[in-house]
């Protein structure tokens, strides 16, 4: 995809809301409640400010979608969101009474109504609803509907592919800059600038972990001076056109020694086996098992200390997760990372990561830069 993609339409958002309603009914829920955050953006395209004032999308099977919104934000909501029933409330009135009329329109029925709630709903709002409606119960969407956003349509896949291609261009450019003698933070700033140059509106992370810092998978770039002989883990991503990128490559400043090459080759082989395990019907844990087996058989199993992958979409981390115990089957359209690593405390680390989407007969990488170790200056 080149240029700016066509925006999602009201029909797109309506279809997503209907999907959420059906999923809620299948899960035995009376409805879904969505606060400002990624779920609301995905379902409606509306991105209100996250404040103490209650904004809440209410989706109930068989009912029209409704948005509880502060009166001062109602004009923006009417313009930004697809056709919704707006229920506004004014300062000084009880917003939870307004929401309660949508959650329990018939009043008390003698049974407990159960709702799925977006994970980033503020506690004060959930507690306010519980006080107003004591015969209601709530569960997080991650638990109740973990794959609601997991299966991407063609337009979403195009955006994810474009974000991945932009991250790849950033990697190709960062390999050209000097590493030796510079702080990690300086290289991280270069990476952030490259992501923005290639179209990212938001940079979520730029991990530059040199030498022993590479043994910390989520190392924050610091003031350590990168030296010749260092292995450097690069892990970076963000959002382009509202969808995420996330890729990792490990480079070496000058020529690596034999052990460094061997460890890198093991991780590269593990990443390849994880990718090869991607196919419709396979369990998420199969991807983790395939990658982990390579590292374990090579004698480094205790140094692979995290899951093999996470989903990606309108956020850079979301379900599904490629981890032992996750038996959920892979479905065409799912997108997630495959990112095994080896982390040797006090010495160095290696991680290689691509975003992969499930196809009808296997998987497709959304990152295409070389996975062989690159030597940088």
Protein backbone atom coordinates (compact mmCIF):
# COMPACT_ATOMS: atom_id res chain seq x y z
CA UNK A 1 0.00 0.00 0.00
CA UNK A 2 1.39 3.40 -0.95
CA UNK A 3 0.09 6.80 0.14
CA UNK A 4 -2.61 7.38 2.70
CA UNK A 5 -5.21 4.61 2.91
CA UNK A 6 -8.90 5.35 2.52
CA UNK A 7 -10.48 5.92 5.93
CA UNK A 8 -12.67 3.29 7.46
CA UNK A 9 -16.35 3.94 6.78
CA UNK A 10 -19.42 4.05 8.99
CA UNK A 11 -20.34 0.65 7.55
CA UNK A 12 -16.95 -0.72 8.65
CA UNK A 13 -17.50 0.46 12.21
CA UNK A 14 -21.09 -0.75 12.28
CA UNK A 15 -19.93 -4.21 11.19
CA UNK A 16 -17.34 -4.25 13.99
CA UNK A 17 -19.92 -3.27 16.59
CA UNK A 18 -22.26 -6.00 15.38
CA UNK A 19 -19.39 -8.49 15.57
CA UNK A 20 -18.79 -7.44 19.17
CA UNK A 21 -22.48 -7.85 20.00
CA UNK A 22 -22.57 -11.36 18.51
CA UNK A 23 -19.39 -12.33 20.34
CA UNK A 24 -20.85 -11.02 23.60
CA UNK A 25 -24.02 -13.06 23.13
CA UNK A 26 -22.01 -16.18 22.30
CA UNK A 27 -20.01 -15.64 25.50
CA UNK A 28 -23.18 -15.39 27.59
CA UNK A 29 -22.82 -11.66 28.21
CA UNK A 30 -25.63 -9.13 28.29
CA UNK A 31 -23.46 -6.60 26.51
CA UNK A 32 -20.12 -4.88 26.12
CA UNK A 33 -19.02 -1.57 27.68
CA UNK A 34 -16.23 0.36 26.00
CA UNK A 35 -14.38 3.29 27.55
CA UNK A 36 -12.04 5.64 25.65
CA UNK A 37 -9.01 3.76 24.35
CA UNK A 38 -8.03 1.41 21.54
CA UNK A 39 -11.24 -0.65 21.67
CA UNK A 40 -13.38 2.47 21.23
CA UNK A 41 -11.20 3.68 18.34
CA UNK A 42 -11.41 0.28 16.64
CA UNK A 43 -15.18 0.01 17.09
CA UNK A 44 -16.18 3.59 16.23
CA UNK A 45 -13.21 5.65 15.03
CA UNK A 46 -13.93 8.06 17.89
CA UNK A 47 -10.93 9.13 19.99
CA UNK A 48 -12.20 11.30 22.86
CA UNK A 49 -10.01 12.68 25.62
CA UNK A 50 -9.54 10.30 28.54
CA UNK A 51 -10.75 12.33 31.51
CA UNK A 52 -12.70 11.91 34.72
CA UNK A 53 -15.94 12.52 32.82
CA UNK A 54 -17.70 9.30 31.81
CA UNK A 55 -17.69 8.35 28.13
CA UNK A 56 -18.99 4.84 27.52
CA UNK A 57 -20.07 2.92 24.43
CA UNK A 58 -22.83 0.44 25.30
CA UNK A 59 -23.36 -2.50 22.95
CA UNK A 60 -26.20 -4.89 23.72
CA UNK A 61 -27.41 -7.66 21.39
CA UNK A 62 -30.61 -6.61 19.66
CA UNK A 63 -30.27 -2.96 20.69
CA UNK A 64 -28.94 0.06 18.84
CA UNK A 65 -25.40 1.03 19.84
CA UNK A 66 -25.42 3.93 22.29
CA UNK A 67 -22.72 6.29 23.49
CA UNK A 68 -22.88 7.93 26.90
CA UNK A 69 -20.98 11.17 26.49
CA UNK A 70 -20.46 14.44 28.38
CA UNK A 71 -22.68 17.15 26.85
CA UNK A 72 -19.69 19.37 26.13
CA UNK A 73 -18.18 16.61 23.96
CA UNK A 74 -21.41 15.51 22.25
CA UNK A 75 -20.87 17.64 19.09
CA UNK A 76 -17.44 16.07 18.49
CA UNK A 77 -18.86 12.60 19.15
CA UNK A 78 -21.71 13.15 16.68
CA UNK A 79 -19.22 14.22 14.02
CA UNK A 80 -16.49 11.64 14.61
CA UNK A 81 -18.38 8.45 15.40
CA UNK A 82 -20.63 6.39 13.10
CA UNK A 83 -24.38 6.73 13.61
CA UNK A 84 -24.93 6.09 17.30
CA UNK A 85 -27.62 6.92 19.81
CA UNK A 86 -25.99 9.65 21.90
CA UNK A 87 -27.00 9.90 25.55
CA UNK A 88 -25.36 13.02 26.89
CA UNK A 89 -25.15 14.14 30.48
CA UNK A 90 -24.22 17.50 32.00
CA UNK A 91 -21.91 18.38 34.86
CA UNK A 92 -23.79 18.22 38.15
CA UNK A 93 -25.89 15.25 37.08
CA UNK A 94 -25.15 11.58 37.71
CA UNK A 95 -23.58 10.03 34.56
CA UNK A 96 -24.03 6.54 35.99
CA UNK A 97 -27.79 7.01 36.06
CA UNK A 98 -27.63 7.78 32.35
CA UNK A 99 -25.54 4.65 31.73
CA UNK A 100 -27.76 2.52 33.98
CA UNK A 101 -30.80 3.26 31.83
CA UNK A 102 -28.98 1.60 28.93
CA UNK A 103 -27.56 -1.35 30.86
CA UNK A 104 -30.82 -2.24 32.61
CA UNK A 105 -33.65 -0.58 30.68
CA UNK A 106 -36.28 -2.80 32.29
CA UNK A 107 -35.10 -2.17 35.82
CA UNK A 108 -34.39 -4.95 38.33
CA UNK A 109 -35.09 -8.42 36.91
CA UNK A 110 -33.91 -10.63 39.75
CA UNK A 111 -30.92 -11.94 37.83
CA UNK A 112 -27.37 -10.72 37.56
CA UNK A 113 -26.56 -9.00 34.28
CA UNK A 114 -23.03 -9.65 33.04
CA UNK A 115 -21.05 -7.24 30.87
CA UNK A 116 -17.64 -7.30 29.26
CA UNK A 117 -15.67 -4.13 30.00
CA UNK A 118 -12.74 -2.73 28.05
CA UNK A 119 -9.53 -3.24 30.00
CA UNK A 120 -8.63 0.43 30.29
CA UNK A 121 -11.95 1.46 31.90
CA UNK A 122 -11.21 3.64 34.90
CA UNK A 123 -11.93 1.99 38.26
CA UNK A 124 -13.94 5.04 39.40
CA UNK A 125 -16.34 4.54 36.49
CA UNK A 126 -16.75 0.80 37.00
CA UNK A 127 -17.34 1.31 40.72
CA UNK A 128 -19.86 4.02 39.91
CA UNK A 129 -21.81 1.61 37.71
CA UNK A 130 -21.70 -1.08 40.38
CA UNK A 131 -23.15 1.32 42.98
CA UNK A 132 -25.96 2.29 40.64
CA UNK A 133 -26.60 -1.29 39.47
CA UNK A 134 -25.62 -3.71 42.26
CA UNK A 135 -27.13 -6.65 40.36
CA UNK A 136 -24.56 -6.39 37.57
CA UNK A 137 -21.22 -8.15 37.16
CA UNK A 138 -18.29 -7.27 34.96
CA UNK A 139 -15.41 -9.08 33.31
CA UNK A 140 -12.51 -7.72 31.28
CA UNK A 141 -12.70 -7.98 27.51
CA UNK A 142 -9.30 -9.66 27.43
CA UNK A 143 -10.80 -12.52 29.44
CA UNK A 144 -14.30 -12.55 27.91
CA UNK A 145 -13.58 -11.72 24.24
CA UNK A 146 -9.81 -12.12 23.84
CA UNK A 147 -9.88 -12.36 20.05
CA UNK A 148 -12.37 -9.57 19.33
CA UNK A 149 -9.79 -7.53 17.40
CA UNK A 150 -7.49 -10.44 16.57
CA UNK A 151 -8.69 -11.35 13.06
CA UNK A 152 -7.86 -8.52 10.69
CA UNK A 153 -9.68 -7.73 7.45
CA UNK A 154 -7.93 -6.85 4.20
CA UNK A 155 -7.81 -3.12 4.93
CA UNK A 156 -6.29 -3.72 8.35
CA UNK A 157 -3.72 -6.12 6.89
CA UNK A 158 -2.74 -3.47 4.35
CA UNK A 159 -2.10 -0.99 7.14
CA UNK A 160 -0.09 -3.50 9.15
CA UNK A 161 1.97 -4.37 6.08
CA UNK A 162 2.63 -0.67 5.44
CA UNK A 163 3.71 -0.16 9.05
CA UNK A 164 6.01 -3.18 8.82
CA UNK A 165 7.54 -1.93 5.57
CA UNK A 166 8.19 1.46 7.16
CA UNK A 167 9.93 -0.19 10.12
CA UNK A 168 12.02 -2.21 7.67
CA UNK A 169 13.13 0.99 5.94
CA UNK A 170 14.11 2.41 9.32
CA UNK A 171 16.25 -0.67 10.00
CA UNK A 172 17.98 -0.44 6.65
CA UNK A 173 18.86 3.18 7.37
CA UNK A 174 19.95 2.70 10.99
CA UNK A 175 22.53 0.15 9.87
CA UNK A 176 24.30 2.99 8.05
CA UNK A 177 24.79 5.23 11.08
CA UNK A 178 27.81 5.05 13.41
CA UNK A 179 27.31 2.92 16.52
CA UNK A 180 30.75 2.78 18.16
CA UNK A 181 31.46 5.68 20.49
CA UNK A 182 27.83 6.80 20.72
CA UNK A 183 25.33 6.47 23.56
CA UNK A 184 22.43 4.06 23.24
CA UNK A 185 20.07 7.02 23.59
CA UNK A 186 21.59 8.68 20.53
CA UNK A 187 20.99 5.63 18.34
CA UNK A 188 17.49 5.31 19.81
CA UNK A 189 16.78 8.92 18.84
CA UNK A 190 17.98 8.16 15.31
CA UNK A 191 15.59 5.19 15.17
CA UNK A 192 12.64 7.28 16.37
CA UNK A 193 13.40 9.91 13.75
CA UNK A 194 13.56 7.29 11.02
CA UNK A 195 10.22 5.77 12.03
CA UNK A 196 8.65 9.22 11.80
CA UNK A 197 10.38 9.93 8.50
CA UNK A 198 8.86 6.79 7.04
CA UNK A 199 5.34 7.64 8.11
CA UNK A 200 4.84 6.68 11.75
CA UNK A 201 2.65 9.13 13.63
CA UNK A 202 3.53 7.51 16.96
CA UNK A 203 6.75 5.88 18.17
CA UNK A 204 6.04 3.45 21.00
CA UNK A 205 9.53 2.12 21.76
CA UNK A 206 13.10 2.16 20.49
CA UNK A 207 15.13 -0.41 22.40
CA UNK A 208 18.87 -0.12 21.82
CA UNK A 209 20.51 -2.65 24.16
CA UNK A 210 24.28 -2.91 23.76
CA UNK A 211 26.70 -5.43 25.22
CA UNK A 212 25.49 -6.74 28.62
CA UNK A 213 22.37 -4.56 28.38
CA UNK A 214 21.19 -6.87 25.60
CA UNK A 215 20.54 -9.56 28.23
CA UNK A 216 17.61 -7.46 29.47
CA UNK A 217 14.80 -7.99 26.91
CA UNK A 218 13.08 -4.67 27.72
CA UNK A 219 16.15 -2.57 28.39
CA UNK A 220 15.52 1.17 28.20
CA UNK A 221 18.16 2.88 26.07
CA UNK A 222 20.61 4.58 28.41
CA UNK A 223 23.88 6.47 28.50
CA UNK A 224 26.10 3.45 27.97
CA UNK A 225 28.66 4.13 25.25
CA UNK A 226 28.46 1.48 22.54
CA UNK A 227 31.85 -0.04 21.87
CA UNK A 228 33.47 -2.16 19.20
CA UNK A 229 32.82 -5.82 19.90
CA UNK A 230 29.33 -5.13 21.27
CA UNK A 231 26.28 -7.07 20.24
CA UNK A 232 23.35 -4.62 20.01
CA UNK A 233 19.68 -5.62 20.16
CA UNK A 234 17.41 -3.25 18.25
CA UNK A 235 13.66 -3.53 18.91
CA UNK A 236 11.41 -0.72 17.72
CA UNK A 237 7.93 0.11 16.56
CA UNK A 238 4.89 2.35 16.76
CA UNK A 239 1.81 3.27 14.79
CA UNK A 240 1.39 4.22 11.13
CA UNK A 241 -2.11 4.99 9.84
CA UNK A 242 -3.36 3.76 13.21
CA UNK A 243 -1.78 0.28 13.02
CA UNK A 244 1.34 -1.11 14.63
CA UNK A 245 4.85 -2.09 13.69
CA UNK A 246 7.26 -4.06 15.86
CA UNK A 247 10.50 -5.62 14.67
CA UNK A 248 13.79 -6.72 16.21
CA UNK A 249 17.20 -7.33 14.74
CA UNK A 250 20.53 -7.88 16.48
CA UNK A 251 23.62 -6.27 15.00
CA UNK A 252 27.29 -6.44 15.92
CA UNK A 253 29.77 -3.57 16.09
CA UNK A 254 32.71 -4.96 14.15
CA UNK A 255 33.23 -8.65 13.53
CA UNK A 256 31.63 -11.06 16.04
CA UNK A 257 33.42 -13.97 17.64
CA UNK A 258 32.49 -17.61 17.11
CA UNK A 259 30.17 -17.88 20.12
CA UNK A 260 28.30 -14.71 19.22
CA UNK A 261 27.74 -16.03 15.70
CA UNK A 262 26.60 -19.39 17.04
CA UNK A 263 24.06 -17.86 19.44
CA UNK A 264 22.73 -15.61 16.71
CA UNK A 265 22.42 -18.55 14.32
CA UNK A 266 20.49 -20.51 16.96
CA UNK A 267 18.01 -17.66 17.45
CA UNK A 268 17.65 -17.25 13.69
CA UNK A 269 16.89 -20.96 13.33
CA UNK A 270 14.39 -20.76 16.21
CA UNK A 271 12.65 -17.81 14.60
CA UNK A 272 12.41 -19.70 11.33
CA UNK A 273 10.90 -22.75 13.06
CA UNK A 274 8.41 -20.54 14.88
CA UNK A 275 7.38 -19.02 11.58
CA UNK A 276 7.06 -22.44 9.94
CA UNK A 277 4.68 -23.52 12.72
CA UNK A 278 2.19 -20.81 11.72
CA UNK A 279 -0.82 -22.29 9.94
CA UNK A 280 -4.61 -22.26 10.37
CA UNK A 281 -5.77 -24.60 13.11
CA UNK A 282 -2.43 -24.79 14.90
CA UNK A 283 -2.55 -23.74 18.52
CA UNK A 284 -0.87 -20.50 19.56
CA UNK A 285 1.37 -22.53 21.88
CA UNK A 286 2.63 -24.55 18.91
CA UNK A 287 4.49 -21.48 17.66
CA UNK A 288 6.14 -21.05 21.04
CA UNK A 289 6.99 -24.73 21.27
CA UNK A 290 8.56 -24.82 17.81
CA UNK A 291 10.84 -21.86 18.48
CA UNK A 292 11.67 -22.89 22.04
CA UNK A 293 12.62 -26.45 21.03
CA UNK A 294 15.45 -25.18 18.83
CA UNK A 295 16.92 -23.07 21.62
CA UNK A 296 16.48 -25.79 24.24
CA UNK A 297 18.10 -28.46 22.09
CA UNK A 298 21.07 -26.13 21.55
CA UNK A 299 21.55 -25.91 25.30
CA UNK A 300 20.25 -22.37 25.88
CA UNK A 301 16.69 -23.08 26.99
CA UNK A 302 17.06 -21.42 30.39
CA UNK A 303 18.11 -18.20 28.65
CA UNK A 304 14.93 -17.87 26.58
CA UNK A 305 12.92 -16.08 29.26
CA UNK A 306 9.76 -14.77 27.58
CA UNK A 307 6.91 -15.92 25.35
CA UNK A 308 7.54 -16.20 21.62
CA UNK A 309 5.02 -13.63 20.47
CA UNK A 310 2.12 -11.23 20.96
CA UNK A 311 -0.66 -9.92 18.77
CA UNK A 312 -0.55 -6.53 17.07
CA UNK A 313 -3.14 -4.23 15.54
CA UNK A 314 -4.33 -0.82 16.73
CA UNK A 315 -1.92 -1.37 19.63
CA UNK A 316 1.55 -2.88 19.47
CA UNK A 317 0.75 -5.51 22.13
CA UNK A 318 -2.61 -7.32 22.21
CA UNK A 319 -4.01 -10.87 22.00
CA UNK A 320 -3.35 -13.50 20.78
CA UNK A 321 -0.19 -14.56 22.61
CA UNK A 322 2.22 -17.24 21.43
CA UNK A 323 2.87 -18.84 24.80
CA UNK A 324 2.76 -22.26 26.41
CA UNK A 325 -0.75 -23.05 27.61
CA UNK A 326 -2.52 -20.94 24.98
CA UNK A 327 -4.48 -23.54 23.04
CA UNK A 328 -6.52 -21.08 20.99
CA UNK A 329 -6.31 -22.03 17.30
CA UNK A 330 -4.73 -19.73 14.75
CA UNK A 331 -7.17 -18.24 12.23
CA UNK A 332 -6.42 -16.55 8.87
CA UNK A 333 -6.09 -12.82 9.45
CA UNK A 334 -4.49 -13.05 12.88
CA UNK A 335 -1.28 -11.01 13.18
CA UNK A 336 1.41 -11.46 15.81
CA UNK A 337 5.12 -11.35 16.45
CA UNK A 338 7.50 -14.29 16.32
CA UNK A 339 10.47 -13.18 18.44
CA UNK A 340 12.57 -15.79 20.21
CA UNK A 341 15.69 -14.68 22.04
CA UNK A 342 18.68 -15.79 24.08
CA UNK A 343 19.85 -13.59 26.96
CA UNK A 344 23.19 -14.30 28.63
CA UNK A 345 23.40 -12.26 31.86
CA UNK A 346 26.35 -9.90 32.04
CA UNK A 347 27.37 -10.68 28.46
CA UNK A 348 24.93 -10.08 25.59
CA UNK A 349 21.54 -10.92 24.15
CA UNK A 350 20.07 -11.79 20.76
CA UNK A 351 16.49 -11.36 19.55
CA UNK A 352 15.04 -11.60 16.05
CA UNK A 353 11.44 -10.57 15.45
CA UNK A 354 9.02 -10.38 12.55
CA UNK A 355 5.31 -9.68 12.46
CA UNK A 356 3.52 -12.60 10.85
CA UNK A 357 -0.05 -12.94 9.59
CA UNK A 358 -1.88 -16.24 9.26
CA UNK A 359 -2.89 -17.05 5.68
CA UNK A 360 -5.19 -19.75 4.31
CA UNK A 361 -2.30 -22.21 4.06
CA UNK A 362 0.43 -20.98 6.39
CA UNK A 363 1.93 -17.66 7.36
CA UNK A 364 3.27 -14.51 5.73
CA UNK A 365 5.94 -12.26 7.17
CA UNK A 366 5.21 -8.52 7.25
CA UNK A 367 8.92 -7.79 7.78
CA UNK A 368 11.43 -8.62 5.08
CA UNK A 369 14.81 -7.28 6.20
CA UNK A 370 17.66 -9.83 6.40
CA UNK A 371 17.65 -11.89 9.56
CA UNK A 372 21.37 -12.69 9.29
CA UNK A 373 23.62 -10.81 11.69
CA UNK A 374 24.54 -7.40 10.33
CA UNK A 375 27.94 -5.91 11.09
CA UNK A 376 27.85 -2.16 11.79
CA UNK A 377 30.51 0.45 12.46
